[in-house]
Amino acid sequence: MTRGVSIIRVSIAPEAASWRLDRALAAALPTISRERLKALISSGDVRDGAGAQVRDPSSKARAGEYEVRVPDPVAAHNEPQDIALEIVYEDDHLIVVDKPAGMVVHPAAGNFDGTLVNALLHHCAGRLSSIGGVARPGIVHRIDKDTSGLLVVAKTDVAHEGLSAQFARHSIDRRYQALVAGIPNPPSGSVDAPLGRSSANRQKMAIVEAGRGKRAVTHYRLVKPLRHSALVECRLETGRTHQVRVHMASLGHPLLGDPVYGRSKIAQRELLNQLDFKRQALHAAELAFVHPVSKENLTFKSAIPSDMQELFRALAV
């Protein structure tokens, strides 16, 4: 079946001629979010008055006619599934979820169902932001499958845009609790090291040379020294894939149970096996941001889950 397309013709006013194209189109088409228009421009779905594709969202708009082609939604693996969720907060614009370890955030190769998105589509009756497209509806940020804790999900495009802007400004406060090998010395500090794909293993992230990766900053502090290990709080200034895991490993204090970046000692491995602890000991414990619509300051906290508490108690002996 051929995918359908809705064609919208819009006129850019002379006073908007010096604006970025995505901004000018968003002003002329208030029913389509600016983020969505950026994606449409980049994918070649916007043409100027001469019929030529315009692919740069930052290019200057010209006064006159434009054509915006909006493809109809395509089928994806995202089917609503009645999966229990721990809802921390919810209103008409967003929802904050306490994700359990073992749950993937959105469908992808190898995990086509049972994800947070599948559960949210059922819980929200499909009412999620469209900016992420059909693959990632409502998803503004992610945490790893085997990391537990707090995520905020956008139910409307205006919330998605507002939250995305806060993430881009690094103004959202995200704090993780981690159990790491060894006791950090000094007990607090920062790691400012860019992250990118490892040249040796594309499935892993690694600290790379400046210019090759994305800037990544983690601030850590010792919360509680334990037996040959420690409970550490990590505050993210940026949010890159595997950031806490790579940065703490770079200090010589990898997360306990981390199957990719961990280097646990024999005694620690034996304890992990004894407790059947098979994930990185990382929990997204605190999330704070400004509500993108009401402008209220919101702060949410999540207690360390039972499996990490059990590991903590065993290490405290």
Protein backbone atom coordinates (compact mmCIF):
# COMPACT_ATOMS: atom_id res chain seq x y z
CA MET A 1 0.00 0.00 0.00
CA THR A 2 1.32 3.43 -0.97
CA ARG A 3 1.82 5.77 1.93
CA GLY A 4 -0.47 8.80 1.77
CA VAL A 5 0.68 12.40 1.96
CA SER A 6 -1.18 15.54 3.01
CA ILE A 7 0.00 18.62 1.10
CA ILE A 8 -0.21 21.98 2.85
CA ARG A 9 0.50 25.19 0.96
CA VAL A 10 1.54 28.11 3.11
CA SER A 11 2.57 31.70 2.49
CA ILE A 12 5.50 33.27 4.32
CA ALA A 13 4.93 36.94 5.08
CA PRO A 14 7.63 39.50 4.13
CA GLU A 15 8.35 40.31 7.79
CA ALA A 16 9.38 36.67 8.35
CA ALA A 17 11.70 36.54 5.34
CA SER A 18 14.87 36.84 7.45
CA TRP A 19 13.83 34.16 9.96
CA ARG A 20 15.01 30.58 10.02
CA LEU A 21 12.80 28.51 7.76
CA ASP A 22 11.58 26.22 10.55
CA ARG A 23 10.64 29.23 12.67
CA ALA A 24 8.83 30.97 9.81
CA LEU A 25 6.87 27.84 8.90
CA ALA A 26 5.98 27.20 12.55
CA ALA A 27 4.59 30.73 12.80
CA ALA A 28 2.54 30.19 9.67
CA LEU A 29 1.41 26.70 10.67
CA PRO A 30 0.56 26.80 14.39
CA THR A 31 -0.98 23.30 14.28
CA ILE A 32 2.40 21.72 13.43
CA SER A 33 5.19 21.93 15.99
CA ARG A 34 8.54 23.45 15.11
CA GLU A 35 10.33 20.19 15.92
CA ARG A 36 8.04 18.33 13.56
CA LEU A 37 8.68 20.91 10.83
CA LYS A 38 12.44 20.56 11.35
CA ALA A 39 12.11 16.85 10.71
CA LEU A 40 9.95 17.41 7.63
CA ILE A 41 12.44 19.91 6.19
CA SER A 42 15.39 17.59 6.82
CA SER A 43 13.58 14.69 5.15
CA GLY A 44 12.88 16.68 1.97
CA ASP A 45 9.17 17.19 2.57
CA VAL A 46 9.28 20.98 2.18
CA ARG A 47 9.55 22.73 -1.20
CA ASP A 48 9.86 26.39 -2.11
CA GLY A 49 7.72 28.29 -4.62
CA ALA A 50 9.79 26.93 -7.51
CA GLY A 51 9.19 23.36 -6.39
CA ALA A 52 12.76 22.81 -5.16
CA GLN A 53 13.33 20.81 -1.97
CA VAL A 54 14.66 22.77 1.00
CA ARG A 55 16.52 20.51 3.44
CA ASP A 56 18.16 22.94 5.86
CA PRO A 57 15.87 24.00 8.75
CA SER A 58 18.27 26.88 9.56
CA SER A 59 18.21 28.37 6.06
CA LYS A 60 16.61 31.79 5.72
CA ALA A 61 12.99 31.81 4.71
CA ARG A 62 11.90 33.70 1.63
CA ALA A 63 8.68 35.62 1.36
CA GLY A 64 6.20 33.70 -0.74
CA GLU A 65 4.71 30.26 -1.14
CA TYR A 66 5.99 26.98 0.33
CA GLU A 67 4.63 23.48 0.12
CA VAL A 68 4.78 21.20 3.14
CA ARG A 69 4.18 17.49 2.56
CA VAL A 70 3.08 15.69 5.73
CA PRO A 71 3.26 11.88 5.33
CA ASP A 72 0.49 9.88 6.91
CA PRO A 73 1.54 7.82 9.94
CA VAL A 74 2.98 4.43 9.15
CA ALA A 75 2.46 1.22 11.04
CA ALA A 76 5.11 0.51 13.62
CA HIS A 77 5.76 -2.11 16.25
CA ASN A 78 4.12 0.18 18.76
CA GLU A 79 1.00 -1.62 19.89
CA PRO A 80 -0.74 -0.65 23.13
CA GLN A 81 -0.09 -3.26 25.80
CA ASP A 82 -1.66 -3.46 29.24
CA ILE A 83 1.56 -3.40 31.24
CA ALA A 84 1.58 -2.10 34.79
CA LEU A 85 3.31 1.24 35.25
CA GLU A 86 4.36 3.11 38.37
CA ILE A 87 3.03 6.60 37.67
CA VAL A 88 4.68 9.28 39.80
CA TYR A 89 2.87 12.25 38.25
CA GLU A 90 0.48 12.87 35.38
CA ASP A 91 -1.47 15.76 33.87
CA ASP A 92 -2.80 16.67 30.43
CA HIS A 93 0.67 17.48 29.06
CA LEU A 94 3.15 15.06 30.58
CA ILE A 95 3.64 11.95 32.65
CA VAL A 96 6.50 10.97 34.98
CA VAL A 97 7.15 7.24 35.27
CA ASP A 98 9.34 5.21 37.62
CA LYS A 99 10.72 2.61 35.19
CA PRO A 100 11.74 -0.81 36.52
CA ALA A 101 15.06 -2.36 35.55
CA GLY A 102 14.70 -4.70 32.60
CA MET A 103 12.18 -2.59 30.69
CA VAL A 104 13.27 -1.10 27.36
CA VAL A 105 12.07 2.46 26.76
CA HIS A 106 10.93 2.08 23.14
CA PRO A 107 10.68 -0.73 20.57
CA ALA A 108 13.83 -1.52 18.62
CA ALA A 109 15.57 -4.53 17.13
CA GLY A 110 15.31 -7.41 19.58
CA ASN A 111 12.71 -5.65 21.74
CA PHE A 112 9.59 -5.10 19.68
CA ASP A 113 7.10 -5.22 22.54
CA GLY A 114 6.89 -5.09 26.30
CA THR A 115 8.48 -1.64 26.26
CA LEU A 116 7.64 1.53 28.14
CA VAL A 117 6.16 2.98 24.94
CA ASN A 118 3.85 -0.03 24.54
CA ALA A 119 2.67 0.45 28.12
CA LEU A 120 2.23 4.21 27.72
CA LEU A 121 0.22 3.83 24.51
CA HIS A 122 -2.25 1.72 26.49
CA HIS A 123 -2.25 3.90 29.61
CA CYS A 124 -2.58 7.18 27.68
CA ALA A 125 -4.92 5.72 25.03
CA GLY A 126 -2.45 6.71 22.34
CA ARG A 127 -2.30 10.35 23.45
CA LEU A 128 1.43 11.01 23.29
CA SER A 129 3.54 13.66 21.60
CA SER A 130 4.12 13.03 17.88
CA ILE A 131 7.48 14.80 17.63
CA GLY A 132 9.46 11.60 18.13
CA GLY A 133 7.53 10.01 15.27
CA VAL A 134 5.79 6.66 15.34
CA ALA A 135 8.90 4.91 16.66
CA ARG A 136 9.28 6.98 19.84
CA PRO A 137 6.01 8.75 20.64
CA GLY A 138 6.34 11.00 23.66
CA ILE A 139 9.96 10.05 24.36
CA VAL A 140 12.03 13.07 25.36
CA HIS A 141 14.92 11.22 27.01
CA ARG A 142 15.87 7.64 27.80
CA ILE A 143 17.56 5.50 30.40
CA ASP A 144 19.13 2.13 29.71
CA LYS A 145 17.09 -1.07 29.82
CA ASP A 146 18.80 -2.25 33.00
CA THR A 147 18.79 1.13 34.72
CA SER A 148 15.79 1.83 36.92
CA GLY A 149 14.20 5.13 37.80
CA LEU A 150 12.50 8.30 36.69
CA LEU A 151 11.62 9.47 33.19
CA VAL A 152 9.38 12.26 31.97
CA VAL A 153 7.29 11.59 28.85
CA ALA A 154 5.47 14.22 26.78
CA LYS A 155 1.79 13.75 26.03
CA THR A 156 1.54 16.87 23.86
CA ASP A 157 3.84 18.48 21.29
CA VAL A 158 4.03 21.72 23.27
CA ALA A 159 5.25 19.79 26.31
CA HIS A 160 7.75 17.88 24.16
CA GLU A 161 9.19 21.10 22.73
CA GLY A 162 9.39 22.73 26.15
CA LEU A 163 11.08 19.75 27.78
CA SER A 164 13.48 19.30 24.85
CA ALA A 165 14.53 22.94 25.19
CA GLN A 166 15.30 22.40 28.89
CA PHE A 167 17.34 19.31 28.11
CA ALA A 168 19.25 21.29 25.45
CA ARG A 169 19.98 24.03 28.00
CA HIS A 170 21.05 21.39 30.55
CA SER A 171 18.64 22.97 33.03
CA ILE A 172 16.90 19.73 34.00
CA ASP A 173 18.27 18.30 37.24
CA ARG A 174 18.94 14.56 36.98
CA ARG A 175 20.58 12.69 39.84
CA TYR A 176 21.47 9.01 39.85
CA GLN A 177 22.38 6.68 42.70
CA ALA A 178 25.11 4.20 41.78
CA LEU A 179 26.96 1.42 43.57
CA VAL A 180 30.55 1.46 42.33
CA ALA A 181 33.68 -0.59 42.84
CA GLY A 182 36.16 1.05 45.21
CA ILE A 183 35.82 4.29 47.17
CA PRO A 184 36.31 7.49 45.15
CA ASN A 185 39.15 9.72 46.29
CA PRO A 186 38.64 12.65 46.22
CA PRO A 187 35.11 12.02 47.47
CA SER A 188 33.58 14.47 44.99
CA GLY A 189 34.49 15.87 41.63
CA SER A 190 33.54 16.17 37.99
CA VAL A 191 34.32 14.32 34.79
CA ASP A 192 34.26 16.50 31.67
CA ALA A 193 35.11 14.11 28.85
CA PRO A 194 33.42 13.80 25.42
CA LEU A 195 31.72 10.54 24.55
CA GLY A 196 31.37 8.76 21.22
CA ARG A 197 31.16 5.28 19.77
CA SER A 198 34.16 3.10 20.57
CA SER A 199 36.33 2.51 17.51
CA ALA A 200 37.02 -1.02 18.78
CA ASN A 201 33.40 -1.95 19.51
CA ARG A 202 30.53 0.05 18.01
CA GLN A 203 28.18 -1.35 20.68
CA LYS A 204 30.12 0.50 23.36
CA MET A 205 30.61 4.15 24.18
CA ALA A 206 34.04 5.54 24.99
CA ILE A 207 35.80 8.75 25.92
CA VAL A 208 37.05 10.20 22.65
CA GLU A 209 39.06 13.18 21.46
CA ALA A 210 37.40 16.59 21.49
CA GLY A 211 35.59 17.08 18.21
CA ARG A 212 34.94 13.38 17.68
CA GLY A 213 32.18 12.99 20.22
CA LYS A 214 29.63 14.98 22.21
CA ARG A 215 30.53 16.93 25.33
CA ALA A 216 29.63 14.98 28.45
CA VAL A 217 29.85 16.21 32.05
CA THR A 218 29.11 14.20 35.20
CA HIS A 219 29.39 15.56 38.75
CA TYR A 220 29.79 12.89 41.43
CA ARG A 221 29.92 12.78 45.22
CA LEU A 222 30.47 9.99 47.71
CA VAL A 223 27.30 9.23 49.67
CA LYS A 224 28.40 6.19 51.70
CA PRO A 225 31.66 4.20 51.72
CA LEU A 226 31.05 0.44 51.74
CA ARG A 227 33.16 -2.72 51.73
CA HIS A 228 35.56 -2.22 48.78
CA SER A 229 32.79 -0.20 47.14
CA ALA A 230 30.65 2.88 47.61
CA LEU A 231 27.26 4.45 47.09
CA VAL A 232 27.75 7.49 44.86
CA GLU A 233 25.41 10.21 43.61
CA CYS A 234 25.98 11.30 40.01
CA ARG A 235 24.43 14.53 38.75
CA LEU A 236 24.23 14.83 34.99
CA GLU A 237 25.04 18.15 33.41
CA THR A 238 24.62 16.50 30.01
CA GLY A 239 22.80 13.29 29.14
CA ARG A 240 24.74 11.04 26.78
CA THR A 241 24.35 7.33 26.15
CA HIS A 242 25.97 5.32 28.98
CA GLN A 243 27.41 8.56 30.41
CA VAL A 244 27.51 7.61 34.10
CA ARG A 245 28.76 4.11 33.32
CA VAL A 246 31.65 5.29 31.12
CA HIS A 247 32.65 8.26 33.26
CA MET A 248 32.73 6.32 36.54
CA ALA A 249 34.68 3.51 34.87
CA SER A 250 37.18 6.10 33.62
CA LEU A 251 37.85 7.06 37.25
CA GLY A 252 38.57 3.43 38.12
CA HIS A 253 35.20 3.01 39.82
CA PRO A 254 32.94 1.09 37.42
CA LEU A 255 29.36 0.36 38.38
CA LEU A 256 28.89 -2.96 40.12
CA GLY A 257 27.20 -5.48 37.88
CA ASP A 258 27.88 -3.53 34.69
CA PRO A 259 28.31 -6.22 31.99
CA VAL A 260 29.90 -3.82 29.50
CA TYR A 261 32.12 -1.41 31.43
CA GLY A 262 32.48 -3.23 34.77
CA ARG A 263 35.63 -4.77 36.18
CA SER A 264 34.40 -6.20 39.46
CA LYS A 265 36.80 -8.08 41.72
CA ILE A 266 36.32 -11.80 42.31
CA ALA A 267 34.70 -11.28 45.72
CA GLN A 268 32.28 -8.75 44.26
CA ARG A 269 31.41 -11.04 41.36
CA GLU A 270 30.71 -13.84 43.82
CA LEU A 271 28.40 -11.57 45.83
CA LEU A 272 26.57 -10.45 42.67
CA ASN A 273 26.08 -14.09 41.68
CA GLN A 274 24.91 -14.99 45.16
CA LEU A 275 22.29 -12.22 45.06
CA ASP A 276 21.47 -12.97 41.41
CA PHE A 277 22.16 -9.30 40.66
CA LYS A 278 22.53 -9.13 36.87
CA ARG A 279 22.45 -5.46 35.94
CA GLN A 280 24.44 -2.28 36.42
CA ALA A 281 23.72 -0.87 39.88
CA LEU A 282 22.30 2.42 38.66
CA HIS A 283 19.05 4.17 39.57
CA ALA A 284 17.64 7.49 38.26
CA ALA A 285 16.65 8.75 41.70
CA GLU A 286 15.78 12.41 41.20
CA LEU A 287 14.31 14.46 38.37
CA ALA A 288 13.52 18.17 38.52
CA PHE A 289 12.33 20.53 35.79
CA VAL A 290 10.02 23.42 35.02
CA HIS A 291 6.61 22.34 33.75
CA PRO A 292 6.64 23.42 30.09
CA VAL A 293 3.05 24.73 30.24
CA SER A 294 2.23 25.75 33.82
CA LYS A 295 5.85 26.89 34.50
CA GLU A 296 5.68 25.25 37.93
CA ASN A 297 8.92 23.91 39.39
CA LEU A 298 8.54 20.15 39.75
CA THR A 299 10.81 17.78 41.66
CA PHE A 300 10.39 14.01 41.86
CA LYS A 301 12.32 11.45 43.86
CA SER A 302 12.42 7.66 43.68
CA ALA A 303 13.70 5.34 46.37
CA ILE A 304 16.46 2.89 45.48
CA PRO A 305 14.74 -0.34 44.33
CA SER A 306 14.83 -3.51 46.39
CA ASP A 307 17.55 -5.30 44.41
CA MET A 308 20.00 -2.41 44.87
CA GLN A 309 18.98 -2.09 48.53
CA GLU A 310 19.81 -5.77 49.06
CA LEU A 311 23.19 -5.30 47.42
CA PHE A 312 23.82 -2.17 49.51
CA ARG A 313 23.05 -4.04 52.74
CA ALA A 314 25.39 -6.90 51.80
CA LEU A 315 28.22 -4.46 51.06
CA ALA A 316 27.62 -2.54 54.29
CA VAL A 317 28.42 -5.58 56.45
